[in-house]
Amino acid sequence: MEGSSAPRRGSSRSSATNSALRRRFDGKLIVNNGPFGGQTTREQALQHIEADHADAVVVGRALIANPDLVERWQGGHPENEPRPELFYGPGAEGYTDYPFLKAA
């Protein structure tokens, strides 16, 4: 994000932040792209893990839109696009009505 002081993924600053966290915290480190980082892709999640920046990666928006996200990522299948205009709504629409891979 332009003008932001937030570390960019993969930057030396974010790597230094993650290293400092790992030195001070001996638990599992779970990361995400943040509210302005966009939806975390499979490739980004793998990069976080492979670079030892995290033990797990949060992929909330992708998971909401893809109830079978693991199968889609494992098979390289296309993903449903989340419908953020329906997030935080009063009903189930936008949370439980995305098609499964076999139905798509």
C-alpha atoms as a PDB file:
ATOM      1  CA  MET A   1       0.000   0.000   0.000  1.00  0.00           C
ATOM      2  CA  GLU A   2       1.498   3.289  -1.124  1.00  0.00           C
ATOM      3  CA  GLY A   3       2.539   5.560   1.691  1.00  0.00           C
ATOM      4  CA  SER A   4       2.133   2.825   4.285  1.00  0.00           C
ATOM      5  CA  SER A   5       4.760   2.136   6.888  1.00  0.00           C
ATOM      6  CA  ALA A   6       3.668  -1.507   7.020  1.00  0.00           C
ATOM      7  CA  PRO A   7       6.347  -4.016   5.966  1.00  0.00           C
ATOM      8  CA  ARG A   8       5.925  -5.469   2.498  1.00  0.00           C
ATOM      9  CA  ARG A   9       5.771  -9.251   2.187  1.00  0.00           C
ATOM     10  CA  GLY A  10       9.161 -10.624   1.313  1.00  0.00           C
ATOM     11  CA  SER A  11      10.952  -7.388   2.178  1.00  0.00           C
ATOM     12  CA  SER A  12      13.976  -7.399   4.426  1.00  0.00           C
ATOM     13  CA  ARG A  13      11.931  -5.363   6.914  1.00  0.00           C
ATOM     14  CA  SER A  14       9.192  -8.033   7.154  1.00  0.00           C
ATOM     15  CA  SER A  15      11.866 -10.739   7.372  1.00  0.00           C
ATOM     16  CA  ALA A  16      13.535  -8.853  10.208  1.00  0.00           C
ATOM     17  CA  THR A  17      10.172  -8.442  11.955  1.00  0.00           C
ATOM     18  CA  ASN A  18       9.472 -12.160  11.641  1.00  0.00           C
ATOM     19  CA  SER A  19      12.958 -13.034  12.899  1.00  0.00           C
ATOM     20  CA  ALA A  20      12.472 -10.764  15.916  1.00  0.00           C
ATOM     21  CA  LEU A  21       9.106 -12.356  16.641  1.00  0.00           C
ATOM     22  CA  ARG A  22      10.589 -15.845  16.441  1.00  0.00           C
ATOM     23  CA  ARG A  23      13.350 -14.888  18.930  1.00  0.00           C
ATOM     24  CA  ARG A  24      10.832 -13.515  21.447  1.00  0.00           C
ATOM     25  CA  PHE A  25       7.991 -15.969  20.989  1.00  0.00           C
ATOM     26  CA  ASP A  26       8.471 -19.735  21.059  1.00  0.00           C
ATOM     27  CA  GLY A  27       4.906 -20.611  20.036  1.00  0.00           C
ATOM     28  CA  LYS A  28       3.466 -21.115  16.582  1.00  0.00           C
ATOM     29  CA  LEU A  29       3.479 -18.032  14.380  1.00  0.00           C
ATOM     30  CA  ILE A  30       0.351 -17.529  12.258  1.00  0.00           C
ATOM     31  CA  VAL A  31       0.320 -14.739   9.659  1.00  0.00           C
ATOM     32  CA  ASN A  32      -1.937 -13.210   7.016  1.00  0.00           C
ATOM     33  CA  ASN A  33      -1.716 -10.481   4.407  1.00  0.00           C
ATOM     34  CA  GLY A  34      -3.581  -8.054   6.635  1.00  0.00           C
ATOM     35  CA  PRO A  35      -6.753  -6.148   5.842  1.00  0.00           C
ATOM     36  CA  PHE A  36      -5.164  -4.227   2.952  1.00  0.00           C
ATOM     37  CA  GLY A  37      -2.987  -7.024   1.579  1.00  0.00           C
ATOM     38  CA  GLY A  38      -5.733  -8.618  -0.467  1.00  0.00           C
ATOM     39  CA  GLN A  39      -6.732 -12.240  -0.495  1.00  0.00           C
ATOM     40  CA  THR A  40      -3.846 -14.578   0.329  1.00  0.00           C
ATOM     41  CA  THR A  41      -3.096 -16.855  -2.606  1.00  0.00           C
ATOM     42  CA  ARG A  42      -1.777 -20.395  -2.426  1.00  0.00           C
ATOM     43  CA  GLU A  43       1.593 -19.165  -3.712  1.00  0.00           C
ATOM     44  CA  GLN A  44       1.827 -16.465  -1.050  1.00  0.00           C
ATOM     45  CA  ALA A  45       0.909 -18.933   1.686  1.00  0.00           C
ATOM     46  CA  LEU A  46       3.592 -21.352   0.487  1.00  0.00           C
ATOM     47  CA  GLN A  47       6.162 -18.537   0.372  1.00  0.00           C
ATOM     48  CA  HIS A  48       5.439 -17.622   4.001  1.00  0.00           C
ATOM     49  CA  ILE A  49       5.874 -21.245   5.083  1.00  0.00           C
ATOM     50  CA  GLU A  50       8.924 -22.021   2.940  1.00  0.00           C
ATOM     51  CA  ALA A  51      10.705 -18.835   4.080  1.00  0.00           C
ATOM     52  CA  ASP A  52       9.978 -19.820   7.714  1.00  0.00           C
ATOM     53  CA  HIS A  53       8.019 -16.593   8.179  1.00  0.00           C
ATOM     54  CA  ALA A  54       5.114 -18.589   9.593  1.00  0.00           C
ATOM     55  CA  ASP A  55       3.995 -21.971  10.833  1.00  0.00           C
ATOM     56  CA  ALA A  56       0.515 -21.425   9.402  1.00  0.00           C
ATOM     57  CA  VAL A  57      -1.145 -18.866   7.140  1.00  0.00           C
ATOM     58  CA  VAL A  58      -4.660 -17.486   7.554  1.00  0.00           C
ATOM     59  CA  VAL A  59      -6.668 -17.632   4.330  1.00  0.00           C
ATOM     60  CA  GLY A  60     -10.106 -16.567   5.564  1.00  0.00           C
ATOM     61  CA  ARG A  61     -11.580 -14.953   2.456  1.00  0.00           C
ATOM     62  CA  ALA A  62     -10.409 -17.778   0.205  1.00  0.00           C
ATOM     63  CA  LEU A  63     -11.798 -20.349   2.630  1.00  0.00           C
ATOM     64  CA  ILE A  64     -15.173 -18.640   2.936  1.00  0.00           C
ATOM     65  CA  ALA A  65     -15.573 -18.640  -0.867  1.00  0.00           C
ATOM     66  CA  ASN A  66     -14.198 -22.158  -1.320  1.00  0.00           C
ATOM     67  CA  PRO A  67     -15.550 -24.713   1.140  1.00  0.00           C
ATOM     68  CA  ASP A  68     -13.228 -27.237  -0.528  1.00  0.00           C
ATOM     69  CA  LEU A  69     -10.176 -24.949  -0.665  1.00  0.00           C
ATOM     70  CA  VAL A  70      -7.697 -27.697   0.251  1.00  0.00           C
ATOM     71  CA  GLU A  71      -8.877 -29.864  -2.640  1.00  0.00           C
ATOM     72  CA  ARG A  72      -8.754 -26.898  -5.031  1.00  0.00           C
ATOM     73  CA  TRP A  73      -5.218 -25.956  -3.972  1.00  0.00           C
ATOM     74  CA  GLN A  74      -3.968 -29.538  -4.081  1.00  0.00           C
ATOM     75  CA  GLY A  75      -5.399 -30.094  -7.558  1.00  0.00           C
ATOM     76  CA  GLY A  76      -4.616 -26.672  -8.999  1.00  0.00           C
ATOM     77  CA  HIS A  77      -8.331 -26.055  -9.618  1.00  0.00           C
ATOM     78  CA  PRO A  78      -9.840 -22.578 -10.058  1.00  0.00           C
ATOM     79  CA  GLU A  79     -11.269 -20.852  -7.001  1.00  0.00           C
ATOM     80  CA  ASN A  80     -14.604 -19.157  -6.440  1.00  0.00           C
ATOM     81  CA  GLU A  81     -14.258 -15.408  -6.007  1.00  0.00           C
ATOM     82  CA  PRO A  82     -15.383 -14.108  -2.602  1.00  0.00           C
ATOM     83  CA  ARG A  83     -18.265 -11.649  -2.589  1.00  0.00           C
ATOM     84  CA  PRO A  84     -17.140  -9.133   0.045  1.00  0.00           C
ATOM     85  CA  GLU A  85     -20.236  -6.996  -0.460  1.00  0.00           C
ATOM     86  CA  LEU A  86     -22.104  -9.800   1.348  1.00  0.00           C
ATOM     87  CA  PHE A  87     -19.648 -10.142   4.249  1.00  0.00           C
ATOM     88  CA  TYR A  88     -21.043  -9.178   7.648  1.00  0.00           C
ATOM     89  CA  GLY A  89     -24.588  -9.402   6.313  1.00  0.00           C
ATOM     90  CA  PRO A  90     -27.535 -10.662   8.309  1.00  0.00           C
ATOM     91  CA  GLY A  91     -27.932 -13.993   6.504  1.00  0.00           C
ATOM     92  CA  ALA A  92     -26.070 -16.971   5.135  1.00  0.00           C
ATOM     93  CA  GLU A  93     -25.730 -15.564   1.603  1.00  0.00           C
ATOM     94  CA  GLY A  94     -22.075 -14.932   0.883  1.00  0.00           C
ATOM     95  CA  TYR A  95     -20.928 -17.430   3.513  1.00  0.00           C
ATOM     96  CA  THR A  96     -22.554 -20.792   2.901  1.00  0.00           C
ATOM     97  CA  ASP A  97     -23.776 -20.626  -0.699  1.00  0.00           C
ATOM     98  CA  TYR A  98     -20.531 -20.955  -2.675  1.00  0.00           C
ATOM     99  CA  PRO A  99     -20.415 -23.998  -4.958  1.00  0.00           C
ATOM    100  CA  PHE A 100     -18.176 -26.957  -4.240  1.00  0.00           C
ATOM    101  CA  LEU A 101     -15.720 -27.969  -6.953  1.00  0.00           C
ATOM    102  CA  LYS A 102     -17.766 -30.972  -8.051  1.00  0.00           C
ATOM    103  CA  ALA A 103     -20.861 -28.768  -8.434  1.00  0.00           C
ATOM    104  CA  ALA A 104     -19.067 -25.905 -10.214  1.00  0.00           C
END
